[in-house]
C-alpha cells in the first residue's frame, strides 16, 4: 500500500464527509425553514481538496505509462498471439468488395 493509495482513500473520505455535511446543512435549513442557495464555504473547500487528492492519486497509483508506438522497446504485444484457433477469417465482411477488387474493375 503506497502513499498514492493512502492519499486516494483520504480524498474519498474527505469527499464523503463533504457530502454528509451538505446533507446535514440542508436538514438544518429545513428545520429553520430557509431556502438552500449554496453549500457553506467549508464544504466547498472540502470538495476541492478531495477532488485534488483523488485526481493526484488517480494519476500516480496506476504506475508507469506504456508507450503506444509499435516500434518501441516497451511494447511487447507486437507479435501474433500464441493461440491462433480464435482468429476468424470467414466472416460476413467477405460479401463486401474490397478496395483492390474495385480498382481492378475500372
Protein backbone atom coordinates (compact mmCIF):
# COMPACT_ATOMS: atom_id res chain seq x y z
CA UNK A 1 0.00 0.00 0.00
CA UNK A 2 1.75 3.10 -1.27
CA UNK A 3 1.46 6.75 -0.45
CA UNK A 4 -0.69 7.39 -3.55
CA UNK A 5 -3.25 4.83 -2.45
CA UNK A 6 -3.47 6.34 1.04
CA UNK A 7 -3.88 9.82 -0.46
CA UNK A 8 -6.67 8.48 -2.70
CA UNK A 9 -8.51 6.91 0.23
CA UNK A 10 -8.11 10.15 2.18
CA UNK A 11 -9.57 12.07 -0.78
CA UNK A 12 -12.58 9.75 -0.94
CA UNK A 13 -13.13 10.11 2.81
CA UNK A 14 -12.98 13.91 2.51
CA UNK A 15 -15.50 13.82 -0.38
CA UNK A 16 -17.82 11.61 1.65
CA UNK A 17 -17.56 13.96 4.63
CA UNK A 18 -18.36 16.94 2.40
CA UNK A 19 -21.44 15.12 1.07
CA UNK A 20 -22.56 14.29 4.62
CA UNK A 21 -22.00 17.90 5.72
CA UNK A 22 -24.11 19.16 2.81
CA UNK A 23 -26.98 16.81 3.68
CA UNK A 24 -26.76 17.81 7.33
CA UNK A 25 -26.74 21.52 6.36
CA UNK A 26 -29.82 21.07 4.18
CA UNK A 27 -31.59 19.30 7.04
CA UNK A 28 -30.76 22.20 9.33
CA UNK A 29 -32.14 24.66 6.78
CA UNK A 30 -35.39 22.67 6.55
CA UNK A 31 -35.79 22.87 10.33
CA UNK A 32 -35.17 26.63 10.23
CA UNK A 33 -37.47 26.90 7.16
CA UNK A 34 -34.90 28.68 4.99
CA UNK A 35 -34.05 28.23 1.32
CA UNK A 36 -30.99 26.27 0.23
CA UNK A 37 -28.96 28.52 -2.06
CA UNK A 38 -25.47 27.07 -1.91
CA UNK A 39 -23.38 24.93 0.45
CA UNK A 40 -21.21 26.54 3.14
CA UNK A 41 -17.68 27.64 2.21
CA UNK A 42 -16.03 24.92 4.33
CA UNK A 43 -17.89 22.26 2.31
CA UNK A 44 -16.73 23.83 -0.96
CA UNK A 45 -13.14 23.83 0.32
CA UNK A 46 -13.51 20.16 1.34
CA UNK A 47 -14.85 19.29 -2.10
CA UNK A 48 -11.95 20.99 -3.88
CA UNK A 49 -9.39 19.38 -1.56
CA UNK A 50 -10.96 15.94 -2.01
CA UNK A 51 -11.05 16.43 -5.78
CA UNK A 52 -7.38 17.40 -5.93
CA UNK A 53 -6.33 14.47 -3.73
CA UNK A 54 -8.38 11.96 -5.75
CA UNK A 55 -7.04 13.27 -9.05
CA UNK A 56 -3.46 13.14 -7.80
CA UNK A 57 -3.95 9.58 -6.58
CA UNK A 58 -5.60 8.53 -9.85
CA UNK A 59 -2.60 9.80 -11.81
CA UNK A 60 0.09 8.33 -9.56
CA UNK A 61 -1.31 4.98 -8.36
CA UNK A 62 -1.68 3.15 -11.71
CA UNK A 63 2.06 3.28 -12.35
CA UNK A 64 4.23 3.91 -15.37
CA UNK A 65 2.54 4.67 -18.68
CA UNK A 66 3.46 2.33 -21.53
CA UNK A 67 4.42 3.57 -24.98
CA UNK A 68 1.84 3.12 -27.74
CA UNK A 69 4.33 3.21 -30.61
CA UNK A 70 4.67 -0.20 -32.28
CA UNK A 71 8.46 0.12 -32.66
CA UNK A 72 9.01 0.93 -29.00
CA UNK A 73 11.04 -1.46 -26.85
CA UNK A 74 8.40 -1.20 -24.11
CA UNK A 75 5.73 -2.59 -26.44
CA UNK A 76 5.65 -6.36 -26.02
CA UNK A 77 2.44 -7.07 -27.97
CA UNK A 78 3.92 -6.80 -31.48
CA UNK A 79 3.75 -10.46 -32.47
CA UNK A 80 0.69 -12.61 -33.14
CA UNK A 81 -0.87 -14.41 -30.18
CA UNK A 82 0.29 -17.92 -29.45
CA UNK A 83 -3.19 -19.44 -29.81
CA UNK A 84 -4.31 -18.95 -33.43
CA UNK A 85 -7.51 -21.01 -33.04
CA UNK A 86 -9.54 -17.92 -32.18
CA UNK A 87 -8.61 -15.97 -35.31
CA UNK A 88 -11.58 -15.97 -37.71
CA UNK A 89 -11.13 -15.27 -41.41
CA UNK A 90 -14.57 -16.39 -42.68
CA UNK A 91 -16.98 -13.65 -41.69
CA UNK A 92 -19.75 -11.53 -43.21
CA UNK A 93 -17.28 -8.88 -44.34
CA UNK A 94 -16.18 -11.01 -47.29
CA UNK A 95 -19.51 -10.20 -49.03
CA UNK A 96 -18.47 -6.57 -49.49
CA UNK A 97 -15.93 -5.93 -52.26
CA UNK A 98 -12.51 -4.93 -51.12
CA UNK A 99 -10.75 -1.84 -52.41
CA UNK A 100 -8.39 -3.96 -54.50
CA UNK A 101 -11.31 -5.58 -56.40
CA UNK A 102 -12.86 -2.19 -57.07
CA UNK A 103 -9.61 -0.82 -58.55
CA UNK A 104 -9.28 -3.81 -60.89
CA UNK A 105 -12.78 -3.40 -62.35
CA UNK A 106 -12.23 0.18 -63.53
